Amino acid sequence: MRVAALVVAACFACLPVVASAQTPRGAIAPGNTVLIAGYNCAADQLARADALVNEIAAPILNKHVASGKLLTWGYMGVYIGNQNNRSIYVWAADPVALVQARVTYLAEINGNPKFQEFVKICGSATITLHNLITTSPAPAR
């Protein structure tokens, strides 16, 4: 009986660690805000546009993810759709967090003189702001 009580007590002691591991801070969840910047880049210069994003925007956006200001970000090409053939998305916990992060990362990206080459290739962005309503559950580990 005493061994059983000890096992139960040990399980309860581990419960907060297990629960926190299952619900990580900054998880993608309903209520998050996603900004999508769509670009209509010159078709013959897509490879250069992609290289510029990897060189200029990626390190800056990765820094904001590492600091927790953004949850994630990505850069996409389109197979089928409207005239926007490249899109960058940034994902934050809520609209306030996204706008606060955007003020900083946008200034850093635009402050790089090489980014003007991206603007020449792709023009200005069409911006949409989205509220995540639902998502799939996290995969079991």
C-alpha atoms as a PDB file:
ATOM      1  CA  MET A   1       0.000   0.000   0.000  1.00  0.00           C
ATOM      2  CA  ARG A   2       2.810   2.390   0.871  1.00  0.00           C
ATOM      3  CA  VAL A   3       4.528   1.730  -2.496  1.00  0.00           C
ATOM      4  CA  ALA A   4       1.284   2.483  -4.361  1.00  0.00           C
ATOM      5  CA  ALA A   5       0.932   5.803  -2.521  1.00  0.00           C
ATOM      6  CA  LEU A   6       4.525   6.685  -3.381  1.00  0.00           C
ATOM      7  CA  VAL A   7       3.919   5.931  -7.096  1.00  0.00           C
ATOM      8  CA  VAL A   8       0.756   8.061  -7.126  1.00  0.00           C
ATOM      9  CA  ALA A   9       2.596  10.935  -5.409  1.00  0.00           C
ATOM     10  CA  ALA A  10       5.436  10.692  -7.952  1.00  0.00           C
ATOM     11  CA  CYS A  11       2.937  10.828 -10.834  1.00  0.00           C
ATOM     12  CA  PHE A  12       1.298  13.966  -9.425  1.00  0.00           C
ATOM     13  CA  ALA A  13       4.708  15.576  -8.955  1.00  0.00           C
ATOM     14  CA  CYS A  14       5.457  15.025 -12.668  1.00  0.00           C
ATOM     15  CA  LEU A  15       2.048  16.227 -13.876  1.00  0.00           C
ATOM     16  CA  PRO A  16       2.950  19.954 -14.193  1.00  0.00           C
ATOM     17  CA  VAL A  17       6.022  19.080 -16.285  1.00  0.00           C
ATOM     18  CA  VAL A  18       4.035  16.804 -18.603  1.00  0.00           C
ATOM     19  CA  ALA A  19       1.181  19.310 -18.939  1.00  0.00           C
ATOM     20  CA  SER A  20       3.528  22.164 -19.753  1.00  0.00           C
ATOM     21  CA  ALA A  21       5.345  20.043 -22.341  1.00  0.00           C
ATOM     22  CA  GLN A  22       2.045  19.352 -24.072  1.00  0.00           C
ATOM     23  CA  THR A  23       1.012  23.002 -24.277  1.00  0.00           C
ATOM     24  CA  PRO A  24       4.138  24.957 -25.228  1.00  0.00           C
ATOM     25  CA  ARG A  25       4.209  28.695 -24.721  1.00  0.00           C
ATOM     26  CA  GLY A  26       3.559  30.525 -27.958  1.00  0.00           C
ATOM     27  CA  ALA A  27       1.740  27.644 -29.608  1.00  0.00           C
ATOM     28  CA  ILE A  28      -0.239  28.193 -32.785  1.00  0.00           C
ATOM     29  CA  ALA A  29      -3.844  28.422 -31.629  1.00  0.00           C
ATOM     30  CA  PRO A  30      -7.204  29.992 -32.431  1.00  0.00           C
ATOM     31  CA  GLY A  31      -7.074  33.737 -31.833  1.00  0.00           C
ATOM     32  CA  ASN A  32      -3.603  34.090 -33.364  1.00  0.00           C
ATOM     33  CA  THR A  33      -3.119  36.744 -36.020  1.00  0.00           C
ATOM     34  CA  VAL A  34      -1.506  36.110 -39.408  1.00  0.00           C
ATOM     35  CA  LEU A  35      -0.368  38.844 -41.783  1.00  0.00           C
ATOM     36  CA  ILE A  36       0.073  37.834 -45.419  1.00  0.00           C
ATOM     37  CA  ALA A  37       2.010  40.109 -47.783  1.00  0.00           C
ATOM     38  CA  GLY A  38       1.354  39.075 -51.385  1.00  0.00           C
ATOM     39  CA  TYR A  39       3.700  40.138 -54.178  1.00  0.00           C
ATOM     40  CA  ASN A  40       3.408  40.115 -57.966  1.00  0.00           C
ATOM     41  CA  CYS A  41       7.074  39.524 -58.814  1.00  0.00           C
ATOM     42  CA  ALA A  42       8.541  39.587 -62.312  1.00  0.00           C
ATOM     43  CA  ALA A  43       8.318  35.974 -63.496  1.00  0.00           C
ATOM     44  CA  ASP A  44      11.802  35.977 -64.991  1.00  0.00           C
ATOM     45  CA  GLN A  45      13.341  37.166 -61.687  1.00  0.00           C
ATOM     46  CA  LEU A  46      11.671  34.871 -59.150  1.00  0.00           C
ATOM     47  CA  ALA A  47      14.910  33.093 -58.266  1.00  0.00           C
ATOM     48  CA  ARG A  48      16.564  36.426 -57.452  1.00  0.00           C
ATOM     49  CA  ALA A  49      13.559  37.525 -55.363  1.00  0.00           C
ATOM     50  CA  ASP A  50      13.733  34.233 -53.448  1.00  0.00           C
ATOM     51  CA  ALA A  51      17.463  34.676 -52.834  1.00  0.00           C
ATOM     52  CA  LEU A  52      16.920  38.210 -51.528  1.00  0.00           C
ATOM     53  CA  VAL A  53      14.257  37.038 -49.073  1.00  0.00           C
ATOM     54  CA  ASN A  54      16.589  34.313 -47.817  1.00  0.00           C
ATOM     55  CA  GLU A  55      19.481  36.755 -47.501  1.00  0.00           C
ATOM     56  CA  ILE A  56      17.692  39.788 -46.042  1.00  0.00           C
ATOM     57  CA  ALA A  57      14.309  38.951 -44.514  1.00  0.00           C
ATOM     58  CA  ALA A  58      14.956  35.423 -43.212  1.00  0.00           C
ATOM     59  CA  PRO A  59      17.613  36.302 -40.614  1.00  0.00           C
ATOM     60  CA  ILE A  60      15.545  39.228 -39.323  1.00  0.00           C
ATOM     61  CA  LEU A  61      12.291  37.269 -39.101  1.00  0.00           C
ATOM     62  CA  ASN A  62      14.103  34.281 -37.551  1.00  0.00           C
ATOM     63  CA  LYS A  63      15.450  36.626 -34.864  1.00  0.00           C
ATOM     64  CA  HIS A  64      11.896  37.770 -34.062  1.00  0.00           C
ATOM     65  CA  VAL A  65      10.697  34.166 -33.826  1.00  0.00           C
ATOM     66  CA  ALA A  66      13.632  33.274 -31.542  1.00  0.00           C
ATOM     67  CA  SER A  67      12.808  36.224 -29.276  1.00  0.00           C
ATOM     68  CA  GLY A  68       9.136  35.176 -29.088  1.00  0.00           C
ATOM     69  CA  LYS A  69       7.762  38.279 -30.821  1.00  0.00           C
ATOM     70  CA  LEU A  70       6.533  36.116 -33.721  1.00  0.00           C
ATOM     71  CA  LEU A  71       5.333  32.514 -33.553  1.00  0.00           C
ATOM     72  CA  THR A  72       6.520  31.653 -37.058  1.00  0.00           C
ATOM     73  CA  TRP A  73       6.902  33.040 -40.551  1.00  0.00           C
ATOM     74  CA  GLY A  74       7.153  31.660 -44.056  1.00  0.00           C
ATOM     75  CA  TYR A  75       7.687  32.505 -47.707  1.00  0.00           C
ATOM     76  CA  MET A  76       5.541  30.846 -50.356  1.00  0.00           C
ATOM     77  CA  GLY A  77       5.293  30.562 -54.113  1.00  0.00           C
ATOM     78  CA  VAL A  78       1.971  29.987 -55.815  1.00  0.00           C
ATOM     79  CA  TYR A  79       0.971  27.189 -58.164  1.00  0.00           C
ATOM     80  CA  ILE A  80      -2.551  28.382 -58.966  1.00  0.00           C
ATOM     81  CA  GLY A  81      -4.214  31.626 -57.953  1.00  0.00           C
ATOM     82  CA  ASN A  82      -4.291  35.355 -58.504  1.00  0.00           C
ATOM     83  CA  GLN A  83      -1.459  37.577 -59.754  1.00  0.00           C
ATOM     84  CA  ASN A  84       0.504  37.289 -56.490  1.00  0.00           C
ATOM     85  CA  ASN A  85       3.199  34.717 -57.186  1.00  0.00           C
ATOM     86  CA  ARG A  86       5.085  35.159 -53.885  1.00  0.00           C
ATOM     87  CA  SER A  87       3.803  35.681 -50.342  1.00  0.00           C
ATOM     88  CA  ILE A  88       5.412  36.201 -46.973  1.00  0.00           C
ATOM     89  CA  TYR A  89       3.371  35.392 -43.887  1.00  0.00           C
ATOM     90  CA  VAL A  90       4.127  36.316 -40.293  1.00  0.00           C
ATOM     91  CA  TRP A  91       2.257  34.745 -37.396  1.00  0.00           C
ATOM     92  CA  ALA A  92       1.840  36.214 -33.906  1.00  0.00           C
ATOM     93  CA  ALA A  93      -0.149  35.498 -30.777  1.00  0.00           C
ATOM     94  CA  ASP A  94      -2.587  38.373 -31.353  1.00  0.00           C
ATOM     95  CA  PRO A  95      -3.013  41.562 -33.420  1.00  0.00           C
ATOM     96  CA  VAL A  96      -1.172  43.766 -30.926  1.00  0.00           C
ATOM     97  CA  ALA A  97       1.853  41.447 -30.816  1.00  0.00           C
ATOM     98  CA  LEU A  98       1.918  41.275 -34.608  1.00  0.00           C
ATOM     99  CA  VAL A  99       1.761  45.039 -35.103  1.00  0.00           C
ATOM    100  CA  GLN A 100       4.431  45.618 -32.445  1.00  0.00           C
ATOM    101  CA  ALA A 101       6.749  43.076 -34.082  1.00  0.00           C
ATOM    102  CA  ARG A 102       6.006  44.457 -37.556  1.00  0.00           C
ATOM    103  CA  VAL A 103       7.103  47.959 -36.607  1.00  0.00           C
ATOM    104  CA  THR A 104      10.526  46.578 -35.721  1.00  0.00           C
ATOM    105  CA  TYR A 105      11.095  43.900 -38.371  1.00  0.00           C
ATOM    106  CA  LEU A 106       9.802  46.050 -41.227  1.00  0.00           C
ATOM    107  CA  ALA A 107      12.198  48.867 -40.340  1.00  0.00           C
ATOM    108  CA  GLU A 108      15.075  46.374 -40.214  1.00  0.00           C
ATOM    109  CA  ILE A 109      14.175  44.799 -43.580  1.00  0.00           C
ATOM    110  CA  ASN A 110      13.556  48.130 -45.318  1.00  0.00           C
ATOM    111  CA  GLY A 111      16.769  49.489 -43.815  1.00  0.00           C
ATOM    112  CA  ASN A 112      18.827  47.054 -45.853  1.00  0.00           C
ATOM    113  CA  PRO A 113      19.755  48.753 -49.163  1.00  0.00           C
ATOM    114  CA  LYS A 114      19.563  45.412 -50.971  1.00  0.00           C
ATOM    115  CA  PHE A 115      15.850  45.164 -50.159  1.00  0.00           C
ATOM    116  CA  GLN A 116      15.175  47.838 -52.772  1.00  0.00           C
ATOM    117  CA  GLU A 117      16.168  45.272 -55.392  1.00  0.00           C
ATOM    118  CA  PHE A 118      13.368  43.008 -54.093  1.00  0.00           C
ATOM    119  CA  VAL A 119      10.942  45.940 -54.339  1.00  0.00           C
ATOM    120  CA  LYS A 120      12.004  46.550 -57.968  1.00  0.00           C
ATOM    121  CA  ILE A 121      11.387  42.884 -58.808  1.00  0.00           C
ATOM    122  CA  CYS A 122       8.164  42.417 -56.853  1.00  0.00           C
ATOM    123  CA  GLY A 123       6.599  45.845 -56.320  1.00  0.00           C
ATOM    124  CA  SER A 124       4.650  46.742 -53.220  1.00  0.00           C
ATOM    125  CA  ALA A 125       2.769  44.160 -51.209  1.00  0.00           C
ATOM    126  CA  THR A 126      -0.932  43.524 -50.965  1.00  0.00           C
ATOM    127  CA  ILE A 127      -1.448  43.081 -47.215  1.00  0.00           C
ATOM    128  CA  THR A 128      -4.178  41.022 -45.566  1.00  0.00           C
ATOM    129  CA  LEU A 129      -4.539  40.447 -41.839  1.00  0.00           C
ATOM    130  CA  HIS A 130      -6.189  37.229 -40.666  1.00  0.00           C
ATOM    131  CA  ASN A 131      -7.575  35.880 -37.395  1.00  0.00           C
ATOM    132  CA  LEU A 132      -7.023  32.136 -36.885  1.00  0.00           C
ATOM    133  CA  ILE A 133     -10.421  30.642 -36.079  1.00  0.00           C
ATOM    134  CA  THR A 134      -9.559  26.950 -35.804  1.00  0.00           C
ATOM    135  CA  THR A 135      -6.626  24.636 -36.448  1.00  0.00           C
ATOM    136  CA  SER A 136      -5.749  20.972 -36.304  1.00  0.00           C
ATOM    137  CA  PRO A 137      -4.618  19.594 -32.962  1.00  0.00           C
ATOM    138  CA  ALA A 138      -0.918  19.178 -32.320  1.00  0.00           C
ATOM    139  CA  PRO A 139       0.310  15.722 -33.308  1.00  0.00           C
ATOM    140  CA  ALA A 140       0.782  13.236 -30.476  1.00  0.00           C
ATOM    141  CA  ARG A 141       4.365  12.706 -29.402  1.00  0.00           C
END
